[in-house]
C-alpha atoms as a PDB file:
ATOM      1  CA  MET A   1     -58.558   0.890  38.984  1.00  0.00           C
ATOM      2  CA  GLU A   2     -55.471  -1.880  39.926  1.00  0.00           C
ATOM      3  CA  ASP A   3     -51.953  -2.348  38.318  1.00  0.00           C
ATOM      4  CA  ARG A   4     -50.053  -4.892  39.202  1.00  0.00           C
ATOM      5  CA  PHE A   5     -46.130  -3.819  39.598  1.00  0.00           C
ATOM      6  CA  SER A   6     -43.179  -4.852  37.277  1.00  0.00           C
ATOM      7  CA  LEU A   7     -39.928  -3.904  37.246  1.00  0.00           C
ATOM      8  CA  GLN A   8     -40.413  -2.519  33.689  1.00  0.00           C
ATOM      9  CA  THR A   9     -43.404  -0.285  34.383  1.00  0.00           C
ATOM     10  CA  PRO A  10     -42.680   3.339  34.862  1.00  0.00           C
ATOM     11  CA  ALA A  11     -43.138   3.416  38.698  1.00  0.00           C
ATOM     12  CA  ASN A  12     -39.872   1.174  38.835  1.00  0.00           C
ATOM     13  CA  PRO A  13     -38.069   4.421  39.046  1.00  0.00           C
ATOM     14  CA  TRP A  14     -39.757   5.753  41.462  1.00  0.00           C
ATOM     15  CA  MET A  15     -39.792   2.147  43.919  1.00  0.00           C
ATOM     16  CA  LEU A  16     -35.624   2.727  43.767  1.00  0.00           C
ATOM     17  CA  SER A  17     -35.603   6.439  44.529  1.00  0.00           C
ATOM     18  CA  THR A  18     -38.373   6.252  47.104  1.00  0.00           C
ATOM     19  CA  PRO A  19     -36.230   6.857  50.552  1.00  0.00           C
ATOM     20  CA  PHE A  20     -37.611   4.053  52.097  1.00  0.00           C
ATOM     21  CA  PHE A  21     -35.664   2.055  49.352  1.00  0.00           C
ATOM     22  CA  GLN A  22     -32.537   3.896  48.761  1.00  0.00           C
ATOM     23  CA  GLY A  23     -29.523   1.681  48.872  1.00  0.00           C
ATOM     24  CA  LEU A  24     -31.225  -1.271  48.850  1.00  0.00           C
ATOM     25  CA  PRO A  25     -29.957  -3.807  46.413  1.00  0.00           C
ATOM     26  CA  GLU A  26     -32.326  -3.806  43.607  1.00  0.00           C
ATOM     27  CA  LEU A  27     -32.571  -7.679  43.338  1.00  0.00           C
ATOM     28  CA  VAL A  28     -33.783  -7.268  46.929  1.00  0.00           C
ATOM     29  CA  VAL A  29     -36.568  -5.015  45.863  1.00  0.00           C
ATOM     30  CA  GLU A  30     -37.694  -6.566  42.970  1.00  0.00           C
ATOM     31  CA  THR A  31     -38.003  -9.910  45.182  1.00  0.00           C
ATOM     32  CA  ALA A  32     -39.991  -7.758  48.463  1.00  0.00           C
ATOM     33  CA  LEU A  33     -42.413  -5.665  45.329  1.00  0.00           C
ATOM     34  CA  THR A  34     -43.367  -9.519  43.315  1.00  0.00           C
ATOM     35  CA  HIS A  35     -47.323  -8.730  44.939  1.00  0.00           C
ATOM     36  CA  PHE A  36     -47.040  -5.071  44.744  1.00  0.00           C
ATOM     37  CA  VAL A  37     -50.304  -3.835  44.058  1.00  0.00           C
ATOM     38  CA  THR A  38     -50.999   0.250  42.686  1.00  0.00           C
ATOM     39  CA  ARG A  39     -54.690   1.429  42.767  1.00  0.00           C
ATOM     40  CA  THR A  40     -56.017   5.098  41.791  1.00  0.00           C
ATOM     41  CA  HIS A  41     -58.494   6.763  44.317  1.00  0.00           C
ATOM     42  CA  PRO A  42     -60.118   9.231  44.007  1.00  0.00           C
ATOM     43  CA  PRO A  43     -60.652  12.933  46.639  1.00  0.00           C
ATOM     44  CA  ASN A  44     -61.874  11.455  50.199  1.00  0.00           C
ATOM     45  CA  GLN A  45     -61.728   7.879  49.836  1.00  0.00           C
ATOM     46  CA  VAL A  46     -61.769   6.167  53.231  1.00  0.00           C
ATOM     47  CA  ILE A  47     -58.137   3.906  52.428  1.00  0.00           C
ATOM     48  CA  LEU A  48     -58.001   2.700  56.096  1.00  0.00           C
ATOM     49  CA  LEU A  49     -59.845   2.359  58.472  1.00  0.00           C
ATOM     50  CA  GLU A  50     -59.309   2.744  62.670  1.00  0.00           C
ATOM     51  CA  ASN A  51     -59.841  -0.918  64.250  1.00  0.00           C
ATOM     52  CA  ASP A  52     -59.260  -2.812  60.840  1.00  0.00           C
ATOM     53  CA  TRP A  53     -56.894  -5.610  61.175  1.00  0.00           C
ATOM     54  CA  GLY A  54     -53.509  -4.933  58.715  1.00  0.00           C
ATOM     55  CA  GLY A  55     -53.258  -7.100  55.981  1.00  0.00           C
ATOM     56  CA  SER A  56     -50.500  -4.599  53.753  1.00  0.00           C
ATOM     57  CA  VAL A  57     -48.468  -2.074  54.276  1.00  0.00           C
ATOM     58  CA  TYR A  58     -49.340   1.390  52.024  1.00  0.00           C
ATOM     59  CA  PHE A  59     -47.000   3.743  49.853  1.00  0.00           C
ATOM     60  CA  ILE A  60     -48.116   6.510  48.264  1.00  0.00           C
ATOM     61  CA  VAL A  61     -47.016   6.898  44.807  1.00  0.00           C
ATOM     62  CA  ASP A  62     -49.016   9.767  43.681  1.00  0.00           C
ATOM     63  CA  GLY A  63     -50.906  12.008  45.590  1.00  0.00           C
ATOM     64  CA  TRP A  64     -51.963  13.130  49.636  1.00  0.00           C
ATOM     65  CA  VAL A  65     -53.447  11.277  52.279  1.00  0.00           C
ATOM     66  CA  LYS A  66     -54.085  12.446  55.843  1.00  0.00           C
ATOM     67  CA  ILE A  67     -54.132  10.349  59.004  1.00  0.00           C
ATOM     68  CA  ARG A  68     -57.016  11.034  61.399  1.00  0.00           C
ATOM     69  CA  THR A  69     -57.892   9.958  65.020  1.00  0.00           C
ATOM     70  CA  TYR A  70     -61.191  11.028  67.350  1.00  0.00           C
ATOM     71  CA  ASN A  71     -60.336  13.121  70.612  1.00  0.00           C
ATOM     72  CA  LEU A  72     -62.824  11.780  73.292  1.00  0.00           C
ATOM     73  CA  GLU A  73     -65.537  14.411  72.334  1.00  0.00           C
ATOM     74  CA  GLY A  74     -65.598  13.001  68.691  1.00  0.00           C
ATOM     75  CA  LYS A  75     -63.813  15.908  67.226  1.00  0.00           C
ATOM     76  CA  GLU A  76     -61.167  14.704  64.114  1.00  0.00           C
ATOM     77  CA  VAL A  77     -58.442  15.349  64.830  1.00  0.00           C
ATOM     78  CA  THR A  78     -55.570  15.007  61.696  1.00  0.00           C
ATOM     79  CA  LEU A  79     -52.438  13.601  62.803  1.00  0.00           C
ATOM     80  CA  ASN A  80     -49.842  13.869  59.962  1.00  0.00           C
ATOM     81  CA  ILE A  81     -50.402  14.372  55.894  1.00  0.00           C
ATOM     82  CA  ILE A  82     -47.944  13.299  53.793  1.00  0.00           C
ATOM     83  CA  GLY A  83     -47.545  12.730  50.336  1.00  0.00           C
ATOM     84  CA  LYS A  84     -45.951  10.292  47.329  1.00  0.00           C
ATOM     85  CA  GLY A  85     -43.109   8.388  48.416  1.00  0.00           C
ATOM     86  CA  GLU A  86     -44.180   8.103  52.207  1.00  0.00           C
ATOM     87  CA  LEU A  87     -46.173   4.982  53.558  1.00  0.00           C
ATOM     88  CA  PHE A  88     -48.419   3.775  56.868  1.00  0.00           C
ATOM     89  CA  GLY A  89     -50.088   1.114  57.792  1.00  0.00           C
ATOM     90  CA  GLU A  90     -47.062  -0.207  58.718  1.00  0.00           C
ATOM     91  CA  MET A  91     -47.542  -0.230  62.600  1.00  0.00           C
ATOM     92  CA  ALA A  92     -50.442  -2.612  61.945  1.00  0.00           C
ATOM     93  CA  ALA A  93     -47.677  -4.870  60.079  1.00  0.00           C
ATOM     94  CA  LEU A  94     -45.086  -5.064  62.992  1.00  0.00           C
ATOM     95  CA  ASP A  95     -47.515  -5.218  66.230  1.00  0.00           C
ATOM     96  CA  GLU A  96     -50.902  -7.597  64.397  1.00  0.00           C
ATOM     97  CA  VAL A  97     -52.938  -6.016  66.008  1.00  0.00           C
ATOM     98  CA  PRO A  98     -55.659  -3.559  64.492  1.00  0.00           C
ATOM     99  CA  ARG A  99     -55.286  -0.113  62.985  1.00  0.00           C
ATOM    100  CA  SER A 100     -54.848   2.610  65.157  1.00  0.00           C
ATOM    101  CA  THR A 101     -55.823   5.461  62.979  1.00  0.00           C
ATOM    102  CA  ASP A 102     -58.165   6.144  59.567  1.00  0.00           C
ATOM    103  CA  VAL A 103     -55.941   6.947  56.392  1.00  0.00           C
ATOM    104  CA  ILE A 104     -58.512   9.404  53.494  1.00  0.00           C
ATOM    105  CA  THR A 105     -57.600  10.681  50.530  1.00  0.00           C
ATOM    106  CA  LEU A 106     -57.497  14.467  50.206  1.00  0.00           C
ATOM    107  CA  THR A 107     -56.373  14.312  46.768  1.00  0.00           C
ATOM    108  CA  PRO A 108     -56.195  12.173  43.481  1.00  0.00           C
ATOM    109  CA  THR A 109     -54.031   9.430  44.803  1.00  0.00           C
ATOM    110  CA  VAL A 110     -51.823   6.865  43.386  1.00  0.00           C
ATOM    111  CA  ILE A 111     -51.111   4.272  46.703  1.00  0.00           C
ATOM    112  CA  GLY A 112     -49.395   0.752  46.475  1.00  0.00           C
ATOM    113  CA  SER A 113     -50.331  -1.765  48.818  1.00  0.00           C
ATOM    114  CA  MET A 114     -47.512  -3.980  49.381  1.00  0.00           C
ATOM    115  CA  PRO A 115     -48.446  -8.033  51.714  1.00  0.00           C
ATOM    116  CA  SER A 116     -47.576  -7.440  55.427  1.00  0.00           C
ATOM    117  CA  GLN A 117     -45.841 -10.597  55.231  1.00  0.00           C
ATOM    118  CA  ASP A 118     -43.678  -9.576  52.378  1.00  0.00           C
ATOM    119  CA  PHE A 119     -42.729  -6.321  54.677  1.00  0.00           C
ATOM    120  CA  VAL A 120     -42.129  -8.502  57.282  1.00  0.00           C
ATOM    121  CA  LYS A 121     -39.665 -10.569  55.310  1.00  0.00           C
ATOM    122  CA  LEU A 122     -38.153  -7.525  53.834  1.00  0.00           C
ATOM    123  CA  LEU A 123     -36.968  -6.017  57.375  1.00  0.00           C
ATOM    124  CA  GLN A 124     -35.722  -9.603  58.870  1.00  0.00           C
ATOM    125  CA  THR A 125     -33.481 -10.323  55.958  1.00  0.00           C
ATOM    126  CA  GLU A 126     -32.666  -6.988  54.785  1.00  0.00           C
ATOM    127  CA  PRO A 127     -30.812  -4.855  57.956  1.00  0.00           C
ATOM    128  CA  MET A 128     -30.919  -1.785  55.707  1.00  0.00           C
ATOM    129  CA  ALA A 129     -34.463  -1.668  55.323  1.00  0.00           C
ATOM    130  CA  GLY A 130     -34.970  -2.011  59.353  1.00  0.00           C
ATOM    131  CA  MET A 131     -32.733   1.157  59.505  1.00  0.00           C
ATOM    132  CA  ARG A 132     -34.704   3.034  56.759  1.00  0.00           C
ATOM    133  CA  LEU A 133     -38.214   2.405  59.031  1.00  0.00           C
ATOM    134  CA  ALA A 134     -36.416   3.300  62.579  1.00  0.00           C
ATOM    135  CA  GLN A 135     -35.375   6.598  60.597  1.00  0.00           C
ATOM    136  CA  LEU A 136     -38.686   7.006  59.256  1.00  0.00           C
ATOM    137  CA  MET A 137     -40.267   6.218  62.626  1.00  0.00           C
ATOM    138  CA  ALA A 138     -37.950   7.792  64.588  1.00  0.00           C
ATOM    139  CA  ARG A 139     -38.702  11.387  62.087  1.00  0.00           C
ATOM    140  CA  ARG A 140     -42.636  11.145  62.804  1.00  0.00           C
ATOM    141  CA  LEU A 141     -41.739  10.840  66.658  1.00  0.00           C
ATOM    142  CA  ARG A 142     -39.652  14.605  66.517  1.00  0.00           C
ATOM    143  CA  GLN A 143     -42.518  15.537  64.549  1.00  0.00           C
ATOM    144  CA  VAL A 144     -45.296  14.810  66.681  1.00  0.00           C
ATOM    145  CA  ASN A 145     -42.717  16.206  70.019  1.00  0.00           C
ATOM    146  CA  ARG A 146     -42.255  19.349  68.468  1.00  0.00           C
ATOM    147  CA  ARG A 147     -46.073  20.099  67.650  1.00  0.00           C
ATOM    148  CA  LEU A 148     -46.866  19.389  70.984  1.00  0.00           C
ATOM    149  CA  ARG A 149     -44.592  21.845  72.320  1.00  0.00           C
ATOM    150  CA  LEU A 150     -45.952  24.399  70.790  1.00  0.00           C
ATOM    151  CA  ARG A 151     -49.616  23.836  71.402  1.00  0.00           C
ATOM    152  CA  GLU A 152     -49.881  26.458  74.260  1.00  0.00           C
ATOM    153  CA  SER A 153     -47.719  28.867  71.538  1.00  0.00           C
ATOM    154  CA  ASP A 154     -49.843  31.231  69.944  1.00  0.00           C
ATOM    155  CA  SER A 155     -51.819  31.249  66.938  1.00  0.00           C
ATOM    156  CA  GLN A 156     -49.132  32.983  64.264  1.00  0.00           C
ATOM    157  CA  SER A 157     -46.699  30.602  66.112  1.00  0.00           C
ATOM    158  CA  ARG A 158     -48.593  27.206  65.559  1.00  0.00           C
ATOM    159  CA  VAL A 159     -49.953  27.952  61.932  1.00  0.00           C
ATOM    160  CA  ALA A 160     -46.407  28.796  60.747  1.00  0.00           C
ATOM    161  CA  ASP A 161     -44.729  25.590  62.772  1.00  0.00           C
ATOM    162  CA  THR A 162     -47.877  23.892  60.634  1.00  0.00           C
ATOM    163  CA  LEU A 163     -46.754  24.656  56.866  1.00  0.00           C
ATOM    164  CA  LEU A 164     -42.919  24.487  57.680  1.00  0.00           C
ATOM    165  CA  PHE A 165     -44.039  20.698  58.932  1.00  0.00           C
ATOM    166  CA  LEU A 166     -45.676  20.084  55.508  1.00  0.00           C
ATOM    167  CA  ALA A 167     -42.450  21.978  53.813  1.00  0.00           C
ATOM    168  CA  GLU A 168     -40.320  19.252  55.953  1.00  0.00           C
ATOM    169  CA  GLY A 169     -41.992  16.126  54.676  1.00  0.00           C
ATOM    170  CA  GLN A 170     -43.327  17.155  51.353  1.00  0.00           C
ATOM    171  CA  GLY A 171     -41.661  20.325  50.453  1.00  0.00           C
ATOM    172  CA  LYS A 172     -40.885  20.219  46.814  1.00  0.00           C
ATOM    173  CA  LYS A 173     -38.050  23.274  45.844  1.00  0.00           C
ATOM    174  CA  ALA A 174     -39.035  25.596  43.052  1.00  0.00           C
ATOM    175  CA  GLN A 175     -37.060  29.092  41.831  1.00  0.00           C
ATOM    176  CA  THR A 176     -39.168  31.416  44.215  1.00  0.00           C
ATOM    177  CA  GLY A 177     -39.204  29.070  47.385  1.00  0.00           C
ATOM    178  CA  THR A 178     -40.037  25.732  48.506  1.00  0.00           C
ATOM    179  CA  GLU A 179     -44.165  24.908  48.182  1.00  0.00           C
ATOM    180  CA  ILE A 180     -46.126  22.658  49.495  1.00  0.00           C
ATOM    181  CA  PRO A 181     -49.949  21.792  48.850  1.00  0.00           C
ATOM    182  CA  ASN A 182     -52.609  24.809  49.394  1.00  0.00           C
ATOM    183  CA  LEU A 183     -55.423  22.445  51.742  1.00  0.00           C
ATOM    184  CA  PRO A 184     -58.921  23.222  52.724  1.00  0.00           C
ATOM    185  CA  HIS A 185     -58.691  25.454  55.447  1.00  0.00           C
ATOM    186  CA  ARG A 186     -60.329  22.676  57.539  1.00  0.00           C
ATOM    187  CA  GLU A 187     -57.260  20.325  57.447  1.00  0.00           C
ATOM    188  CA  LEU A 188     -54.752  22.947  58.393  1.00  0.00           C
ATOM    189  CA  SER A 189     -57.300  23.547  61.214  1.00  0.00           C
ATOM    190  CA  SER A 190     -56.848  19.925  62.090  1.00  0.00           C
ATOM    191  CA  LEU A 191     -53.563  20.067  62.215  1.00  0.00           C
ATOM    192  CA  SER A 192     -52.410  23.163  64.086  1.00  0.00           C
ATOM    193  CA  GLY A 193     -55.303  22.357  66.659  1.00  0.00           C
ATOM    194  CA  LEU A 194     -57.051  25.957  65.802  1.00  0.00           C
ATOM    195  CA  ALA A 195     -59.884  26.903  64.178  1.00  0.00           C
ATOM    196  CA  ARG A 196     -60.667  27.290  60.476  1.00  0.00           C
ATOM    197  CA  GLU A 197     -61.455  31.496  61.184  1.00  0.00           C
ATOM    198  CA  THR A 198     -58.323  31.210  62.791  1.00  0.00           C
ATOM    199  CA  VAL A 199     -55.825  29.261  60.006  1.00  0.00           C
ATOM    200  CA  THR A 200     -57.490  31.455  57.575  1.00  0.00           C
ATOM    201  CA  ARG A 201     -56.862  35.298  59.138  1.00  0.00           C
ATOM    202  CA  VAL A 202     -52.945  34.244  59.851  1.00  0.00           C
ATOM    203  CA  LEU A 203     -52.398  32.558  56.570  1.00  0.00           C
ATOM    204  CA  THR A 204     -53.378  36.098  55.165  1.00  0.00           C
ATOM    205  CA  ARG A 205     -50.895  38.705  57.957  1.00  0.00           C
ATOM    206  CA  LEU A 206     -48.595  35.886  56.912  1.00  0.00           C
ATOM    207  CA  GLU A 207     -48.776  36.455  53.142  1.00  0.00           C
ATOM    208  CA  LYS A 208     -49.265  40.208  53.200  1.00  0.00           C
ATOM    209  CA  LYS A 209     -45.796  40.239  55.163  1.00  0.00           C
ATOM    210  CA  GLY A 210     -44.695  37.926  52.428  1.00  0.00           C
ATOM    211  CA  LEU A 211     -43.623  34.816  54.333  1.00  0.00           C
ATOM    212  CA  ILE A 212     -45.567  32.948  52.119  1.00  0.00           C
ATOM    213  CA  ARG A 213     -47.578  33.176  48.067  1.00  0.00           C
ATOM    214  CA  ARG A 214     -50.789  31.307  47.775  1.00  0.00           C
ATOM    215  CA  ASP A 215     -52.372  30.241  44.527  1.00  0.00           C
ATOM    216  CA  GLN A 216     -55.173  27.839  43.750  1.00  0.00           C
ATOM    217  CA  ASP A 217     -52.645  24.581  44.464  1.00  0.00           C
ATOM    218  CA  ILE A 218     -49.951  25.783  45.904  1.00  0.00           C
ATOM    219  CA  ILE A 219     -48.256  27.510  48.775  1.00  0.00           C
ATOM    220  CA  CYS A 220     -45.116  28.558  48.037  1.00  0.00           C
ATOM    221  CA  ILE A 221     -42.307  29.765  51.030  1.00  0.00           C
ATOM    222  CA  PRO A 222     -39.580  32.032  50.200  1.00  0.00           C
ATOM    223  CA  ASP A 223     -37.793  31.798  52.870  1.00  0.00           C
ATOM    224  CA  LEU A 224     -38.100  29.125  55.491  1.00  0.00           C
ATOM    225  CA  THR A 225     -35.536  30.139  57.556  1.00  0.00           C
ATOM    226  CA  ALA A 226     -37.852  33.678  57.459  1.00  0.00           C
ATOM    227  CA  LEU A 227     -40.994  31.511  58.237  1.00  0.00           C
ATOM    228  CA  GLU A 228     -39.607  29.949  61.418  1.00  0.00           C
ATOM    229  CA  ARG A 229     -38.292  33.061  62.867  1.00  0.00           C
ATOM    230  CA  MET A 230     -42.483  33.493  63.751  1.00  0.00           C
ATOM    231  CA  ILE A 231     -42.114  30.763  65.726  1.00  0.00           C
ATOM    232  CA  VAL A 232     -42.333  31.978  69.887  1.00  0.00           C
END
């Protein structure tokens, strides 16, 4: 399903509150979104493939996607999982080279696409847009650095850090704590670099200690600081 963006549609309040667009003049946002198109995608649909040429930058209106690549042995490696309000595909738009990763939906997802030339023009004409992009890339680099430092840590530390990583990027505040999506264990396994069985055991252990609560769709972290103390 495809929808052309209009400032009269319900999508407008979301776009104006998206971190990347926050603080930008509304007229600037309106101009940037002239050719913005939204599409609805089912779970497990490939949005981008590695080595594709980049003609658009993508914004997640709703849902979740994973960004993946493969190691030298051909094993899938999940680099990131991002959700509502995030963007992807910006690197190929900036340096005009093929995509460096695959992007696949994890849930029913609504994604908006902006032509690369419109995105680049926005960065060239609006300094705050460039600052927002720099902040986004700095945050992602910090997250990667933290995960790399923990690669030699024990399994409990790595799973706890993965949950905190998701909470930092996409956690939603609720009365009972911070909620993140209850992703399939294979996704948490790829993100943490652990075997799926190990992830399952650690999650059960954390739940017994009261550090997380799980239901069908959500993992709730009652106390982020308490979970962070599990990282050694």
